[in-house]
Amino acid sequence: MALSFFKRIFGKEEPALQEIESVLGYSFKDKRLLEKALSHRSSVSDGLANERLEYLGDAVLGLAVSDFLFRKFPDYNEGNLTKIKAALVNEAMLSKVAYSFRLGQYVFLSPEEEKSGGRLKPSIIADAMEAVLGAVYLDGGLEAAEKVIFKFLLDDFESLIKDEAMFNYKGDLLERMQGGGHGVPKYEVIEEIGPDHIKVFVISVSVDGARLGTGQGTSKKEAEQRAAKMALETLAREDVKEEK
């Protein structure tokens, strides 16, 4: 297959390859790895598609992100680290990253897949992104792959970890209370502020009759999550006091 794909699509292979490499910030020693990473199974025979590279890239991505989060947040428990990682490596995030530099236009598809809108399908684009990461890993090692991973994912990282919707604070609080032999957390609306179209709910959470936290939000669900978060923070402070 060599670099015939790029010749057919762009007339010359080098400008196309260089454009991808420039965006990635990585220059391949073996250009065939990059071409294979961009070869969807609809376009080539068995063994030449990007599925094996996708498998490898998924593992490399998981390791790199896990290692980064482990070092970045030494006080986070396994549950919260897992949730942040899941937000960073899911199909929606990977396809978003790939769309940002038009990876889809370089993916090698069959005419049928092309007509069905394959270049815009999140699953195809996310898989190609993982395959490219796998190709970078094979060509340049883990450090090279990590540089590409962090270049793209860290742009959204801060906003992701600040998004409270990605954490299930209510679930974490329930798990902690039941694990300690306590009752089920009870949530109560204690105030509603403003007119219906811009109403803010204030909700408290109590366990065994003791109020542990309150939260505000434009929906009851949001306010409950924030109340549960405050309760967990209250319990964490109490744990520190007991240790002293």
Protein backbone atom coordinates (compact mmCIF):
# COMPACT_ATOMS: atom_id res chain seq x y z
CA MET A 1 0.00 0.00 0.00
CA ALA A 2 2.98 2.27 0.72
CA LEU A 3 2.04 5.95 0.39
CA SER A 4 -0.30 5.52 -2.59
CA PHE A 5 -3.29 6.71 -0.62
CA PHE A 6 -1.84 10.16 -0.10
CA LYS A 7 -0.83 10.36 -3.75
CA ARG A 8 -4.39 9.52 -4.82
CA ILE A 9 -6.00 12.01 -2.46
CA PHE A 10 -3.54 14.88 -2.52
CA GLY A 11 -1.41 14.29 -5.61
CA LYS A 12 1.75 14.27 -3.50
CA GLU A 13 2.22 12.36 -0.31
CA GLU A 14 4.74 14.55 1.51
CA PRO A 15 2.64 17.71 2.03
CA ALA A 16 -0.24 15.64 3.46
CA LEU A 17 2.03 13.71 5.78
CA GLN A 18 3.86 16.82 6.85
CA GLU A 19 0.60 18.59 7.62
CA ILE A 20 -0.49 15.81 9.99
CA GLU A 21 2.96 15.59 11.57
CA SER A 22 3.06 19.35 12.04
CA VAL A 23 -0.25 19.32 13.92
CA LEU A 24 0.81 16.34 16.03
CA GLY A 25 4.19 17.90 16.76
CA TYR A 26 5.84 14.61 15.82
CA SER A 27 7.73 13.52 12.68
CA PHE A 28 7.52 9.81 11.86
CA LYS A 29 10.66 7.89 11.01
CA ASP A 30 8.48 5.19 9.43
CA LYS A 31 5.76 6.98 7.45
CA ARG A 32 4.01 3.67 6.79
CA LEU A 33 2.93 3.52 10.43
CA LEU A 34 1.07 6.78 10.05
CA GLU A 35 -0.64 5.61 6.87
CA LYS A 36 -1.70 2.38 8.54
CA ALA A 37 -3.07 4.31 11.51
CA LEU A 38 -5.30 6.21 9.09
CA SER A 39 -6.55 3.11 7.23
CA HIS A 40 -10.11 2.23 8.24
CA ARG A 41 -11.10 -1.42 7.91
CA SER A 42 -13.59 -0.55 5.14
CA SER A 43 -10.74 0.47 2.85
CA VAL A 44 -8.17 -2.31 3.11
CA SER A 45 -7.84 -6.06 3.43
CA ASP A 46 -7.53 -7.86 6.76
CA GLY A 47 -4.30 -7.15 8.56
CA LEU A 48 -3.76 -3.75 6.95
CA ALA A 49 -6.41 -1.76 8.84
CA ASN A 50 -5.73 0.40 11.88
CA GLU A 51 -7.48 -1.82 14.44
CA ARG A 52 -4.31 -3.27 15.98
CA LEU A 53 -2.79 0.19 16.28
CA GLU A 54 -6.04 1.41 17.79
CA TYR A 55 -5.80 -1.35 20.40
CA LEU A 56 -2.25 -0.33 21.24
CA GLY A 57 -3.06 3.37 21.25
CA ASP A 58 -5.92 2.82 23.67
CA ALA A 59 -3.53 1.15 26.11
CA VAL A 60 -0.87 3.85 25.71
CA LEU A 61 -3.48 6.58 26.21
CA GLY A 62 -4.81 4.90 29.33
CA LEU A 63 -1.34 4.51 30.83
CA ALA A 64 -0.26 8.06 30.05
CA VAL A 65 -3.41 9.66 31.45
CA SER A 66 -3.45 7.40 34.52
CA ASP A 67 0.17 8.22 35.29
CA PHE A 68 -0.45 11.95 34.85
CA LEU A 69 -3.52 11.98 37.11
CA PHE A 70 -1.82 9.84 39.75
CA ARG A 71 1.02 12.35 40.02
CA LYS A 72 -1.15 15.45 39.59
CA PHE A 73 -3.63 14.58 42.33
CA PRO A 74 -1.86 12.69 45.15
CA ASP A 75 -4.85 13.12 47.49
CA TYR A 76 -7.57 11.89 45.11
CA ASN A 77 -9.00 8.44 45.71
CA GLU A 78 -9.23 5.77 43.04
CA GLY A 79 -12.86 6.57 42.30
CA ASN A 80 -12.27 10.24 41.47
CA LEU A 81 -9.16 9.47 39.43
CA THR A 82 -11.14 6.94 37.42
CA LYS A 83 -13.90 9.46 36.73
CA ILE A 84 -11.48 12.11 35.50
CA LYS A 85 -9.70 9.57 33.33
CA ALA A 86 -12.99 8.41 31.84
CA ALA A 87 -13.82 11.99 30.91
CA LEU A 88 -10.48 12.41 29.16
CA VAL A 89 -10.31 9.19 27.14
CA ASN A 90 -13.88 8.61 26.01
CA GLU A 91 -15.06 8.61 22.41
CA ALA A 92 -16.60 12.08 22.63
CA MET A 93 -13.38 13.67 23.87
CA LEU A 94 -11.12 11.83 21.42
CA SER A 95 -13.33 12.68 18.45
CA LYS A 96 -13.45 16.31 19.60
CA VAL A 97 -9.65 16.40 19.66
CA ALA A 98 -9.48 14.77 16.24
CA TYR A 99 -12.05 17.18 14.76
CA SER A 100 -9.96 20.10 16.01
CA PHE A 101 -7.27 19.32 13.44
CA ARG A 102 -9.51 17.72 10.80
CA LEU A 103 -8.10 14.23 11.20
CA GLY A 104 -11.15 12.84 9.42
CA GLN A 105 -10.12 14.27 6.08
CA TYR A 106 -7.00 12.09 6.12
CA VAL A 107 -8.66 8.80 7.07
CA PHE A 108 -8.64 6.20 4.29
CA LEU A 109 -12.23 4.99 3.76
CA SER A 110 -14.05 2.87 1.23
CA PRO A 111 -16.29 4.77 -1.24
CA GLU A 112 -19.36 3.39 0.57
CA GLU A 113 -18.16 4.53 3.98
CA GLU A 114 -17.23 7.88 2.50
CA LYS A 115 -20.74 8.38 1.14
CA SER A 116 -22.30 7.45 4.48
CA GLY A 117 -20.45 10.30 6.20
CA GLY A 118 -17.67 8.20 7.68
CA ARG A 119 -15.28 11.14 7.96
CA LEU A 120 -17.57 12.71 10.52
CA LYS A 121 -18.50 9.61 12.51
CA PRO A 122 -17.21 9.99 16.10
CA SER A 123 -16.42 6.28 16.41
CA ILE A 124 -14.27 6.22 13.26
CA ILE A 125 -12.48 9.46 14.11
CA ALA A 126 -11.86 8.50 17.76
CA ASP A 127 -10.54 5.10 16.69
CA ALA A 128 -8.21 6.77 14.20
CA MET A 129 -6.94 9.09 16.92
CA GLU A 130 -6.09 6.11 19.13
CA ALA A 131 -4.43 4.38 16.18
CA VAL A 132 -2.28 7.45 15.52
CA LEU A 133 -1.20 7.41 19.17
CA GLY A 134 -0.32 3.74 18.82
CA ALA A 135 1.71 4.53 15.71
CA VAL A 136 3.58 7.34 17.49
CA TYR A 137 4.35 4.94 20.35
CA LEU A 138 5.77 2.29 18.01
CA ASP A 139 7.76 4.84 16.05
CA GLY A 140 9.10 7.01 18.85
CA GLY A 141 8.36 5.36 22.19
CA LEU A 142 6.24 6.26 25.19
CA GLU A 143 7.69 9.73 25.73
CA ALA A 144 6.82 10.78 22.18
CA ALA A 145 3.28 9.44 22.54
CA GLU A 146 2.84 11.21 25.86
CA LYS A 147 3.80 14.55 24.32
CA VAL A 148 1.09 14.17 21.69
CA ILE A 149 -1.47 13.04 24.27
CA PHE A 150 -0.85 15.93 26.63
CA LYS A 151 -0.66 18.49 23.82
CA PHE A 152 -4.27 17.82 22.90
CA LEU A 153 -5.99 16.58 26.05
CA LEU A 154 -4.56 19.17 28.42
CA ASP A 155 -6.26 21.98 26.51
CA ASP A 156 -9.57 20.79 27.98
CA PHE A 157 -8.19 19.29 31.16
CA GLU A 158 -8.75 22.19 33.54
CA SER A 159 -12.33 22.73 32.41
CA LEU A 160 -13.02 19.01 32.73
CA ILE A 161 -11.84 18.68 36.30
CA LYS A 162 -13.83 21.77 37.28
CA ASP A 163 -17.02 20.32 35.81
CA GLU A 164 -18.80 19.03 38.89
CA ALA A 165 -21.28 17.13 36.72
CA MET A 166 -18.61 14.52 36.00
CA PHE A 167 -18.40 13.56 39.68
CA ASN A 168 -21.12 11.57 41.41
CA TYR A 169 -20.82 13.19 44.81
CA LYS A 170 -24.22 11.85 45.85
CA GLY A 171 -23.11 8.32 45.08
CA ASP A 172 -19.82 8.79 46.90
CA LEU A 173 -21.61 10.14 49.99
CA LEU A 174 -24.11 7.28 49.99
CA GLU A 175 -21.30 4.73 49.67
CA ARG A 176 -19.38 6.28 52.54
CA MET A 177 -22.39 6.48 54.84
CA GLN A 178 -23.53 2.93 54.20
CA GLY A 179 -19.98 1.66 54.57
CA GLY A 180 -19.80 3.27 58.00
CA GLY A 181 -23.12 1.86 59.17
CA HIS A 182 -24.98 5.18 58.89
CA GLY A 183 -28.37 5.97 57.42
CA VAL A 184 -29.18 7.06 53.88
CA PRO A 185 -28.47 10.76 53.17
CA LYS A 186 -31.65 12.84 53.03
CA TYR A 187 -31.93 15.85 50.74
CA GLU A 188 -34.34 18.70 51.45
CA VAL A 189 -35.16 21.91 49.59
CA ILE A 190 -34.74 24.64 52.19
CA GLU A 191 -35.14 27.66 49.91
CA GLU A 192 -36.13 28.62 46.38
CA ILE A 193 -34.74 31.94 45.15
CA GLY A 194 -36.04 33.97 42.21
CA PRO A 195 -38.82 33.58 39.63
CA ASP A 196 -39.58 30.26 37.98
CA HIS A 197 -37.60 30.89 34.80
CA ILE A 198 -34.37 31.67 36.72
CA LYS A 199 -35.01 29.87 39.99
CA VAL A 200 -32.13 28.84 42.23
CA PHE A 201 -32.63 25.91 44.61
CA VAL A 202 -30.93 25.68 47.99
CA ILE A 203 -30.79 22.10 49.26
CA SER A 204 -29.42 20.59 52.45
CA VAL A 205 -28.24 17.05 53.05
CA SER A 206 -28.50 15.33 56.41
CA VAL A 207 -27.43 11.96 57.73
CA ASP A 208 -28.83 10.51 60.94
CA GLY A 209 -30.46 13.87 61.67
CA ALA A 210 -27.25 15.90 61.36
CA ARG A 211 -26.94 18.44 58.55
CA LEU A 212 -23.64 17.92 56.75
CA GLY A 213 -23.87 20.35 53.87
CA THR A 214 -25.89 22.67 51.66
CA GLY A 215 -25.71 23.47 47.98
CA GLN A 216 -27.19 25.82 45.42
CA GLY A 217 -28.02 25.25 41.79
CA THR A 218 -30.35 26.13 38.97
CA SER A 219 -31.75 22.58 39.21
CA LYS A 220 -32.42 20.34 42.17
CA LYS A 221 -29.98 17.77 40.83
CA GLU A 222 -27.18 20.33 40.64
CA ALA A 223 -27.92 21.63 44.14
CA GLU A 224 -27.98 18.10 45.57
CA GLN A 225 -24.61 17.30 44.03
CA ARG A 226 -23.09 20.42 45.54
CA ALA A 227 -24.63 19.68 48.92
CA ALA A 228 -23.17 16.16 48.80
CA LYS A 229 -19.78 17.62 47.85
CA MET A 230 -19.86 19.91 50.88
CA ALA A 231 -20.86 16.98 53.08
CA LEU A 232 -17.88 14.95 51.85
CA GLU A 233 -15.58 17.89 52.52
CA THR A 234 -17.03 18.23 56.04
CA LEU A 235 -16.47 14.55 56.72
CA ALA A 236 -12.90 14.78 55.39
CA ARG A 237 -12.13 17.60 57.81
CA GLU A 238 -13.56 15.56 60.68
CA ASP A 239 -11.36 12.64 59.66
CA VAL A 240 -8.29 14.88 59.88
CA LYS A 241 -9.30 16.09 63.34
CA GLU A 242 -9.75 12.53 64.59
CA GLU A 243 -6.32 11.54 63.26
CA LYS A 244 -4.74 14.36 65.26
